[in-house]
Amino acid sequence: MRKHSIVAALAILGGFAPIAQAANIVPAHWSSISRPGGEGTLRPGSGWDVGSTPSNAVSLVDGVFAPESQQWNTGSYWWDETQTVSPFQTYLGLDGTFTFNRLVLQADNNDDYLIEYWNGATWQSAFTAAAVGGYGLTTRDSGKLAAFTTDRFRFTALNGDQYYSMSEFQAFGVPEAGTWALMLFGFGAVGCAMRQRAAKLTTA
């Protein structure tokens, strides 16, 4: 099949070839952030005062990543576990129930962050954003996960130096059945147009 026939087929469709794109649903669908309080306080003499900004839990759900390797307590939701309850757990509620298969967390590099989801009866582990090398706010991607359905997440920081921060959480929804049907229809239409175009070229 010649390249121009594929282009022609797409042109015939007016560019109608829907691709099911997984979307980060958090910025548009988060409804609540519950946390124990006590965040945003440094230990005396910590040395992290320079560059520090007030802890901001909403940074977790705004859809914007901080620059990679930015200081852990700059523009993030951060806390010191030694000055708060332990474990320090944060709950993120959604405005509905969604199905997910990929999670991304940007957080302080030298800690582990357990992300769990509520299945209607118990908390289930979804992804552990493990400690990584480097410095400061670092992004960890779960890759494709077995699909799960939930209306809330729980975050628990573990290990590390007991200074923790999270600066962005993204949860990618699985396209709904209607979207898949539209995508398949689009592929079928493209194939039909390509065959018609090929037939015209053959008989010309």
Protein backbone atom coordinates (compact mmCIF):
# COMPACT_ATOMS: atom_id res chain seq x y z
CA MET A 1 0.00 0.00 0.00
CA ARG A 2 1.40 3.34 -1.03
CA LYS A 3 1.88 5.99 1.60
CA HIS A 4 -0.23 8.52 -0.31
CA SER A 5 -3.19 6.13 -0.29
CA ILE A 6 -3.12 6.06 3.53
CA VAL A 7 -2.98 9.84 3.63
CA ALA A 8 -5.84 10.01 1.15
CA ALA A 9 -7.92 7.64 3.26
CA LEU A 10 -7.46 9.82 6.30
CA ALA A 11 -8.28 12.88 4.24
CA ILE A 12 -11.48 11.23 3.00
CA LEU A 13 -12.46 10.68 6.63
CA GLY A 14 -11.74 14.29 7.43
CA GLY A 15 -9.20 13.13 9.97
CA PHE A 16 -11.77 10.94 11.72
CA ALA A 17 -9.67 8.14 13.13
CA PRO A 18 -10.31 8.20 16.88
CA ILE A 19 -7.60 6.76 19.07
CA ALA A 20 -8.53 5.82 22.62
CA GLN A 21 -6.24 7.96 24.68
CA ALA A 22 -5.93 7.19 28.37
CA ALA A 23 -6.41 10.39 30.35
CA ASN A 24 -5.24 11.56 33.75
CA ILE A 25 -8.59 12.03 35.46
CA VAL A 26 -7.32 13.47 38.75
CA PRO A 27 -7.35 17.25 38.05
CA ALA A 28 -10.95 17.22 36.84
CA HIS A 29 -12.35 14.63 39.24
CA TRP A 30 -10.69 14.93 42.65
CA SER A 31 -13.13 15.91 45.38
CA SER A 32 -11.25 15.80 48.69
CA ILE A 33 -7.82 15.48 50.26
CA SER A 34 -7.81 14.20 53.84
CA ARG A 35 -4.63 14.34 55.88
CA PRO A 36 -3.70 14.24 59.57
CA GLY A 37 -2.18 17.71 59.71
CA GLY A 38 1.24 18.71 60.95
CA GLU A 39 2.75 19.10 57.51
CA GLY A 40 5.07 21.90 56.50
CA THR A 41 7.24 21.99 59.64
CA LEU A 42 11.00 21.44 59.61
CA ARG A 43 13.12 20.10 62.45
CA PRO A 44 15.27 22.76 64.13
CA GLY A 45 18.62 23.03 62.38
CA SER A 46 17.52 20.88 59.44
CA GLY A 47 19.22 23.12 56.89
CA TRP A 48 16.23 22.89 54.53
CA ASP A 49 14.86 26.38 55.27
CA VAL A 50 16.38 27.97 52.18
CA GLY A 51 14.10 27.40 49.21
CA SER A 52 11.33 25.92 51.33
CA THR A 53 7.73 26.89 50.54
CA PRO A 54 4.56 26.23 52.56
CA SER A 55 3.23 22.71 52.20
CA ASN A 56 0.46 22.61 49.60
CA ALA A 57 -1.62 19.43 49.32
CA VAL A 58 -3.38 20.72 46.20
CA SER A 59 -0.09 20.54 44.29
CA LEU A 60 -0.69 16.79 44.32
CA VAL A 61 -3.76 17.06 42.08
CA ASP A 62 -3.18 20.12 39.89
CA GLY A 63 -1.94 18.18 36.85
CA VAL A 64 1.43 19.96 36.80
CA PHE A 65 4.78 18.29 37.42
CA ALA A 66 7.48 20.23 39.21
CA PRO A 67 10.86 20.39 37.45
CA GLU A 68 12.65 17.10 37.98
CA SER A 69 15.14 17.22 40.88
CA GLN A 70 13.56 20.34 42.36
CA GLN A 71 14.17 20.66 46.12
CA TRP A 72 11.84 18.28 47.92
CA ASN A 73 10.07 20.96 50.01
CA THR A 74 9.64 23.53 47.24
CA GLY A 75 6.21 23.73 45.63
CA SER A 76 5.12 20.40 47.09
CA TYR A 77 3.02 18.76 49.78
CA TRP A 78 5.62 17.89 52.41
CA TRP A 79 5.92 16.80 56.03
CA ASP A 80 8.24 15.46 58.73
CA GLU A 81 7.05 12.15 60.10
CA THR A 82 8.88 12.66 63.40
CA GLN A 83 6.56 15.60 64.15
CA THR A 84 3.28 13.97 63.11
CA VAL A 85 1.34 10.77 63.60
CA SER A 86 2.90 7.67 62.09
CA PRO A 87 2.18 6.40 59.56
CA PHE A 88 1.36 9.70 57.94
CA GLN A 89 -1.37 8.76 55.48
CA THR A 90 -3.14 10.95 52.97
CA TYR A 91 -6.48 10.12 51.36
CA LEU A 92 -7.56 11.36 47.94
CA GLY A 93 -11.26 11.15 47.14
CA LEU A 94 -12.72 11.27 43.62
CA ASP A 95 -16.14 12.51 42.54
CA GLY A 96 -17.04 9.15 41.03
CA THR A 97 -15.85 5.61 40.41
CA PHE A 98 -13.27 5.11 37.67
CA THR A 99 -11.21 2.27 36.24
CA PHE A 100 -7.43 2.76 36.09
CA ASN A 101 -4.42 0.92 34.72
CA ARG A 102 -1.52 3.34 35.22
CA LEU A 103 -0.33 5.60 38.05
CA VAL A 104 2.41 8.22 38.18
CA LEU A 105 3.79 9.87 41.31
CA GLN A 106 6.34 12.64 41.58
CA ALA A 107 7.80 12.61 45.09
CA ASP A 108 10.99 12.95 47.11
CA ASN A 109 13.50 10.58 45.56
CA ASN A 110 14.91 8.79 48.61
CA ASP A 111 11.69 7.42 50.09
CA ASP A 112 9.12 4.76 49.21
CA TYR A 113 5.49 5.77 48.68
CA LEU A 114 2.79 3.12 48.82
CA ILE A 115 -0.33 3.93 46.78
CA GLU A 116 -3.44 1.96 47.63
CA TYR A 117 -7.00 1.99 46.33
CA TRP A 118 -10.30 1.21 48.03
CA ASN A 119 -12.13 -1.73 46.43
CA GLY A 120 -15.35 -1.17 48.34
CA ALA A 121 -14.34 -3.33 51.29
CA THR A 122 -10.59 -3.08 51.91
CA TRP A 123 -7.52 -1.13 50.86
CA GLN A 124 -5.55 -2.85 48.09
CA SER A 125 -1.99 -2.13 46.99
CA ALA A 126 -1.82 -0.55 43.55
CA PHE A 127 1.78 0.66 43.19
CA THR A 128 4.82 1.34 45.33
CA ALA A 129 6.81 4.29 44.03
CA ALA A 130 10.14 3.04 45.30
CA ALA A 131 13.14 5.17 46.22
CA VAL A 132 15.36 6.10 43.31
CA GLY A 133 18.71 7.76 42.80
CA GLY A 134 19.12 11.43 42.04
CA TYR A 135 17.92 14.35 44.09
CA GLY A 136 14.67 15.93 45.18
CA LEU A 137 11.35 15.59 43.39
CA THR A 138 11.54 12.63 41.05
CA THR A 139 8.84 11.00 38.93
CA ARG A 140 8.03 7.29 39.16
CA ASP A 141 5.69 5.63 36.65
CA SER A 142 3.92 2.35 37.37
CA GLY A 143 3.67 1.41 33.72
CA LYS A 144 0.63 -0.62 32.73
CA LEU A 145 -1.15 -2.21 35.69
CA ALA A 146 -3.93 -4.75 35.93
CA ALA A 147 -7.06 -2.61 35.68
CA PHE A 148 -8.81 -1.74 38.95
CA THR A 149 -11.85 0.34 39.86
CA THR A 150 -12.04 2.80 42.74
CA ASP A 151 -13.27 6.16 43.98
CA ARG A 152 -10.37 6.90 46.34
CA PHE A 153 -6.64 6.45 46.93
CA ARG A 154 -4.46 6.27 50.02
CA PHE A 155 -0.79 7.31 50.18
CA THR A 156 1.66 6.12 52.82
CA ALA A 157 5.28 7.28 52.95
CA LEU A 158 7.81 4.67 54.08
CA ASN A 159 11.49 4.39 54.92
CA GLY A 160 13.86 7.14 53.83
CA ASP A 161 14.87 10.00 56.13
CA GLN A 162 11.36 10.72 57.50
CA TYR A 163 11.19 13.92 55.48
CA TYR A 164 8.60 13.24 52.80
CA SER A 165 7.00 15.10 49.94
CA MET A 166 4.68 14.49 47.00
CA SER A 167 4.29 17.02 44.22
CA GLU A 168 2.09 15.37 41.59
CA PHE A 169 -0.16 12.31 41.36
CA GLN A 170 -1.68 11.17 38.10
CA ALA A 171 -4.08 8.27 37.58
CA PHE A 172 -4.87 7.22 34.03
CA GLY A 173 -8.35 5.94 33.29
CA VAL A 174 -9.13 3.02 31.03
CA PRO A 175 -11.26 4.20 28.07
CA GLU A 176 -14.92 3.32 28.43
CA ALA A 177 -16.58 0.73 26.20
CA GLY A 178 -18.16 3.45 24.08
CA THR A 179 -14.77 4.97 23.38
CA TRP A 180 -13.37 1.61 22.32
CA ALA A 181 -16.35 1.09 20.01
CA LEU A 182 -15.75 4.50 18.44
CA MET A 183 -12.08 3.69 18.00
CA LEU A 184 -12.86 0.37 16.27
CA PHE A 185 -15.38 2.09 14.03
CA GLY A 186 -12.73 4.63 13.09
CA PHE A 187 -10.18 1.93 12.26
CA GLY A 188 -12.79 0.13 10.16
CA ALA A 189 -13.64 3.30 8.30
CA VAL A 190 -9.99 3.98 7.60
CA GLY A 191 -9.52 0.45 6.29
CA CYS A 192 -12.57 0.75 4.04
CA ALA A 193 -11.38 4.06 2.63
CA MET A 194 -7.92 2.63 2.00
CA ARG A 195 -9.39 -0.34 0.12
CA GLN A 196 -11.56 1.93 -2.00
CA ARG A 197 -8.59 4.14 -2.76
CA ALA A 198 -6.45 1.11 -3.69
CA ALA A 199 -9.21 -0.20 -5.99
CA LYS A 200 -9.40 3.14 -7.78
CA LEU A 201 -5.64 3.21 -8.26
CA THR A 202 -5.70 -0.35 -9.63
CA THR A 203 -8.45 0.33 -12.17
CA ALA A 204 -7.10 3.70 -13.22
